[in-house]
N, C-alpha and C. Protein backbone atom coordinates (compact mmCIF):
# COMPACT_ATOMS: atom_id res chain seq x y z
N MET A 1 135.27 109.45 76.94
CA MET A 1 133.83 109.96 76.93
C MET A 1 134.07 111.09 75.46
N GLU A 2 134.10 111.44 73.90
CA GLU A 2 134.64 112.03 73.04
C GLU A 2 133.21 113.27 73.24
N VAL A 3 133.84 114.32 73.08
CA VAL A 3 132.32 115.65 72.66
C VAL A 3 131.67 115.33 72.08
N THR A 4 131.19 115.19 70.67
CA THR A 4 130.70 114.32 70.76
C THR A 4 129.73 113.97 70.78
N GLY A 5 129.64 112.73 71.64
CA GLY A 5 129.49 111.73 73.02
C GLY A 5 129.09 112.49 73.58
N PHE A 6 128.86 113.43 74.19
CA PHE A 6 128.91 114.05 75.34
C PHE A 6 127.19 115.06 74.84
N PHE A 7 127.79 115.54 73.75
CA PHE A 7 126.66 116.42 73.22
C PHE A 7 125.40 114.94 72.76
N THR A 8 125.49 114.41 71.96
CA THR A 8 124.43 113.36 72.10
C THR A 8 124.08 112.94 72.65
N ALA A 9 124.87 112.48 74.13
CA ALA A 9 124.20 112.04 75.26
C ALA A 9 122.66 113.15 75.84
N ILE A 10 123.50 114.56 75.67
CA ILE A 10 122.52 115.87 75.87
C ILE A 10 121.12 115.81 75.77
N VAL A 11 121.46 115.37 74.48
CA VAL A 11 120.62 115.40 73.08
C VAL A 11 119.57 114.92 73.62
N ILE A 12 119.67 113.07 73.29
CA ILE A 12 119.16 112.29 74.01
C ILE A 12 118.36 112.09 74.98
N GLY A 13 119.05 112.94 76.20
CA GLY A 13 118.63 112.77 77.28
C GLY A 13 117.63 113.05 77.67
N LEU A 14 117.60 114.81 76.59
CA LEU A 14 115.81 114.64 76.06
C LEU A 14 114.77 113.89 76.81
N ILE A 15 115.18 113.50 75.14
CA ILE A 15 114.51 112.26 74.92
C ILE A 15 114.36 110.35 76.48
N ILE A 16 115.53 111.02 76.67
CA ILE A 16 114.79 110.01 78.06
C ILE A 16 114.50 110.54 79.10
N GLY A 17 114.66 111.05 79.42
CA GLY A 17 113.61 112.23 80.97
C GLY A 17 112.02 111.29 80.30
N ALA A 18 112.40 112.32 78.50
CA ALA A 18 110.56 111.99 78.79
C ALA A 18 110.08 110.19 78.80
N LEU A 19 111.25 109.40 78.80
CA LEU A 19 110.13 107.72 78.28
C LEU A 19 110.99 107.45 80.10
N GLY A 20 111.37 108.09 80.71
CA GLY A 20 111.55 107.87 81.90
C GLY A 20 110.59 108.55 83.23
N ARG A 21 110.07 109.38 82.66
CA ARG A 21 108.57 109.81 83.20
C ARG A 21 107.47 108.64 82.35
N LEU A 22 107.27 108.57 81.07
CA LEU A 22 106.00 107.53 80.85
C LEU A 22 105.87 106.31 81.40
N VAL A 23 107.07 106.03 81.28
CA VAL A 23 108.15 104.60 82.59
C VAL A 23 107.28 103.97 83.21
N VAL A 24 107.32 105.45 84.78
CA VAL A 24 107.32 105.48 85.83
C VAL A 24 105.90 105.45 86.15
N PRO A 25 105.45 104.03 86.60
CA PRO A 25 103.63 104.32 86.90
C PRO A 25 102.37 105.79 87.11
N GLY A 26 101.29 106.49 87.02
CA GLY A 26 100.54 106.59 88.23
C GLY A 26 101.40 108.16 87.56
N ARG A 27 100.79 109.62 88.78
CA ARG A 27 101.42 110.31 87.95
C ARG A 27 102.75 111.58 88.99
N GLN A 28 103.25 111.93 87.70
CA GLN A 28 104.23 112.31 88.74
C GLN A 28 103.88 114.47 88.59
N SER A 29 104.15 115.19 90.00
CA SER A 29 103.95 115.76 89.84
C SER A 29 105.26 116.86 89.93
N ILE A 30 106.12 116.63 89.22
CA ILE A 30 107.15 117.71 88.84
C ILE A 30 107.23 118.49 87.60
N PRO A 31 107.93 119.39 87.23
CA PRO A 31 108.33 120.50 86.57
C PRO A 31 108.77 119.67 84.60
N ILE A 32 107.88 120.35 84.54
CA ILE A 32 108.79 119.91 83.25
C ILE A 32 110.33 119.56 82.44
N TRP A 33 111.11 121.11 83.19
CA TRP A 33 112.72 121.24 83.51
C TRP A 33 113.02 120.04 83.92
N LEU A 34 112.40 120.09 85.42
CA LEU A 34 113.24 118.64 86.71
C LEU A 34 113.13 117.46 86.03
N THR A 35 112.30 117.06 84.69
CA THR A 35 112.54 115.75 83.87
C THR A 35 113.06 115.98 83.03
N LEU A 36 113.68 116.91 82.26
CA LEU A 36 114.67 117.11 81.60
C LEU A 36 115.62 116.53 81.43
N ALA A 37 116.60 117.23 82.80
CA ALA A 37 117.27 117.31 83.57
C ALA A 37 117.31 116.24 84.27
N ILE A 38 116.48 115.21 84.68
CA ILE A 38 116.95 113.88 85.17
C ILE A 38 117.29 113.26 83.49
N GLY A 39 117.25 113.92 82.61
CA GLY A 39 116.60 112.73 81.21
C GLY A 39 118.00 112.72 80.85
N VAL A 40 119.09 114.25 80.70
CA VAL A 40 120.43 114.49 80.47
C VAL A 40 121.48 113.70 80.87
N LEU A 41 121.04 113.91 82.47
CA LEU A 41 121.83 112.96 83.51
C LEU A 41 121.72 111.49 83.83
N ALA A 42 120.70 111.02 83.44
CA ALA A 42 120.30 109.23 82.92
C ALA A 42 121.15 109.26 81.92
N ALA A 43 121.41 110.28 81.36
CA ALA A 43 121.45 109.74 79.57
C ALA A 43 123.48 109.78 80.11
N LEU A 44 124.21 110.43 79.92
CA LEU A 44 125.09 110.37 80.78
C LEU A 44 125.69 108.84 81.40
N LEU A 45 124.88 108.71 82.38
CA LEU A 45 124.97 108.20 83.89
C LEU A 45 125.09 106.76 83.17
N GLY A 46 124.05 106.76 81.83
CA GLY A 46 123.91 105.31 81.53
C GLY A 46 124.69 105.41 80.33
N THR A 47 125.59 105.69 79.57
CA THR A 47 126.59 106.08 77.96
C THR A 47 127.40 105.89 79.57
N LEU A 48 127.81 106.31 80.41
CA LEU A 48 129.11 105.53 81.10
C LEU A 48 128.99 104.69 82.00
N VAL A 49 128.09 103.84 82.61
CA VAL A 49 128.53 102.49 82.76
C VAL A 49 128.44 101.70 81.27
N ALA A 50 127.44 102.20 80.19
CA ALA A 50 127.74 101.18 79.57
C ALA A 50 129.27 100.94 79.02
N GLY A 51 129.71 102.15 78.65
CA GLY A 51 131.46 102.09 78.76
C GLY A 51 132.02 101.47 79.24
N ILE A 52 131.62 101.23 81.08
CA ILE A 52 132.71 100.40 81.98
C ILE A 52 132.10 99.03 81.90
N LEU A 53 130.87 98.68 81.36
CA LEU A 53 130.42 97.93 80.97
C LEU A 53 131.13 97.40 79.77
N GLY A 54 131.68 97.33 78.98
CA GLY A 54 132.07 97.41 77.76
C GLY A 54 130.77 96.85 76.68
N VAL A 55 129.54 98.11 76.56
CA VAL A 55 128.93 98.23 76.08
C VAL A 55 128.58 98.72 75.34
N ASP A 56 128.90 100.19 75.06
CA ASP A 56 129.20 101.34 74.85
C ASP A 56 128.81 102.04 73.23
N ASP A 57 129.62 100.38 72.82
CA ASP A 57 130.00 100.69 70.99
C ASP A 57 129.78 99.26 69.94
N THR A 58 128.54 99.66 69.82
CA THR A 58 128.36 97.99 69.73
C THR A 58 127.19 98.06 68.25
N ARG A 59 128.11 97.04 67.18
CA ARG A 59 127.20 97.25 65.47
C ARG A 59 125.55 97.90 65.96
N GLY A 60 125.24 98.77 65.57
CA GLY A 60 123.47 98.35 65.29
C GLY A 60 122.96 100.01 66.39
N ILE A 61 121.90 100.09 66.55
CA ILE A 61 121.64 100.87 67.87
C ILE A 61 121.83 100.24 69.32
N ASP A 62 122.02 100.67 70.57
CA ASP A 62 122.88 100.24 71.15
C ASP A 62 121.80 99.90 72.32
N TRP A 63 121.03 98.97 71.97
CA TRP A 63 119.18 98.53 72.75
C TRP A 63 120.04 98.78 74.47
N ILE A 64 121.32 98.37 74.95
CA ILE A 64 121.88 97.64 76.55
C ILE A 64 121.95 99.25 77.16
N GLU A 65 123.00 99.80 76.19
CA GLU A 65 122.86 101.57 76.94
C GLU A 65 121.37 101.82 76.88
N LEU A 66 120.43 102.28 75.57
CA LEU A 66 119.66 102.94 76.17
C LEU A 66 118.78 102.31 77.33
N ALA A 67 118.34 100.70 77.22
CA ALA A 67 118.07 100.34 78.35
C ALA A 67 118.02 100.72 80.08
N LEU A 68 120.34 101.40 79.80
CA LEU A 68 120.41 101.51 81.23
C LEU A 68 120.03 103.09 81.46
N GLN A 69 119.89 103.39 80.16
CA GLN A 69 120.06 105.39 80.54
C GLN A 69 118.34 105.20 80.46
N VAL A 70 116.77 105.01 79.76
CA VAL A 70 116.12 104.54 80.69
C VAL A 70 115.33 104.36 81.87
N GLY A 71 116.45 103.21 82.07
CA GLY A 71 116.20 102.62 83.65
C GLY A 71 116.51 103.61 84.85
N PHE A 72 117.54 104.26 83.90
CA PHE A 72 118.30 105.27 85.61
C PHE A 72 116.93 107.31 85.17
N ALA A 73 116.43 107.48 84.03
CA ALA A 73 115.55 107.90 84.19
C ALA A 73 114.80 107.29 85.08
N ALA A 74 114.03 106.32 85.01
CA ALA A 74 112.38 106.44 85.64
C ALA A 74 113.25 105.92 87.15
N ILE A 75 114.15 105.48 87.49
CA ILE A 75 114.84 106.05 88.51
C ILE A 75 114.69 106.95 89.41
N GLY A 76 115.76 108.42 88.24
CA GLY A 76 115.41 110.14 88.94
C GLY A 76 114.16 110.32 89.09
N VAL A 77 112.82 110.13 87.89
CA VAL A 77 112.10 111.01 88.04
C VAL A 77 111.40 109.73 88.79
N SER A 78 111.51 109.09 89.74
CA SER A 78 110.33 108.25 90.58
C SER A 78 111.28 109.58 92.46
N VAL A 79 112.50 108.77 91.84
CA VAL A 79 113.08 109.57 92.89
C VAL A 79 112.48 110.52 93.40
N ALA A 80 113.05 111.99 92.47
CA ALA A 80 112.11 113.45 91.88
C ALA A 80 110.77 113.27 92.59
N ALA A 81 110.03 113.06 91.84
CA ALA A 81 108.74 112.93 92.49
C ALA A 81 108.45 112.50 93.78
N GLY A 82 108.93 111.27 94.59
CA GLY A 82 108.59 111.64 95.94
C GLY A 82 108.90 112.75 96.73
N ARG A 83 110.25 113.38 96.06
CA ARG A 83 110.94 114.50 97.07
C ARG A 83 109.86 115.63 96.96
N TYR A 84 109.91 115.59 95.48
CA TYR A 84 108.50 116.91 95.01
C TYR A 84 107.07 116.82 96.47
N GLY A 85 107.12 116.42 95.27
CA GLY A 85 105.67 115.40 95.60
C GLY A 85 106.05 115.74 97.83
N ARG A 86 106.81 115.68 98.27
CA ARG A 86 106.36 115.56 99.22
C ARG A 86 106.88 116.91 100.56
N ARG A 87 107.56 117.85 99.24
CA ARG A 87 107.28 119.55 99.67
C ARG A 87 106.64 120.59 99.63
N ARG A 88 106.01 119.26 98.58
CA ARG A 88 104.37 120.79 98.85
C ARG A 88 103.45 120.26 99.41
């Protein structure tokens, strides 16, 4: 991953975190900073997996990469909501 790809993944990750939270049904009682951090990690992981699968650089919008990122964010938000909810 190039440096520009890394910074793009971070910026997109902020949006991905919010989308991941919207995809998960029900109310998540986790702080917004945790949602954004999960989004950044999910964006980086989704970009890495898309690169491994060879679908990271396509013509137009990278829908498969975006779907991977949102999927990882939804999984991350679900896990965090489950663990964070039990702690309180």
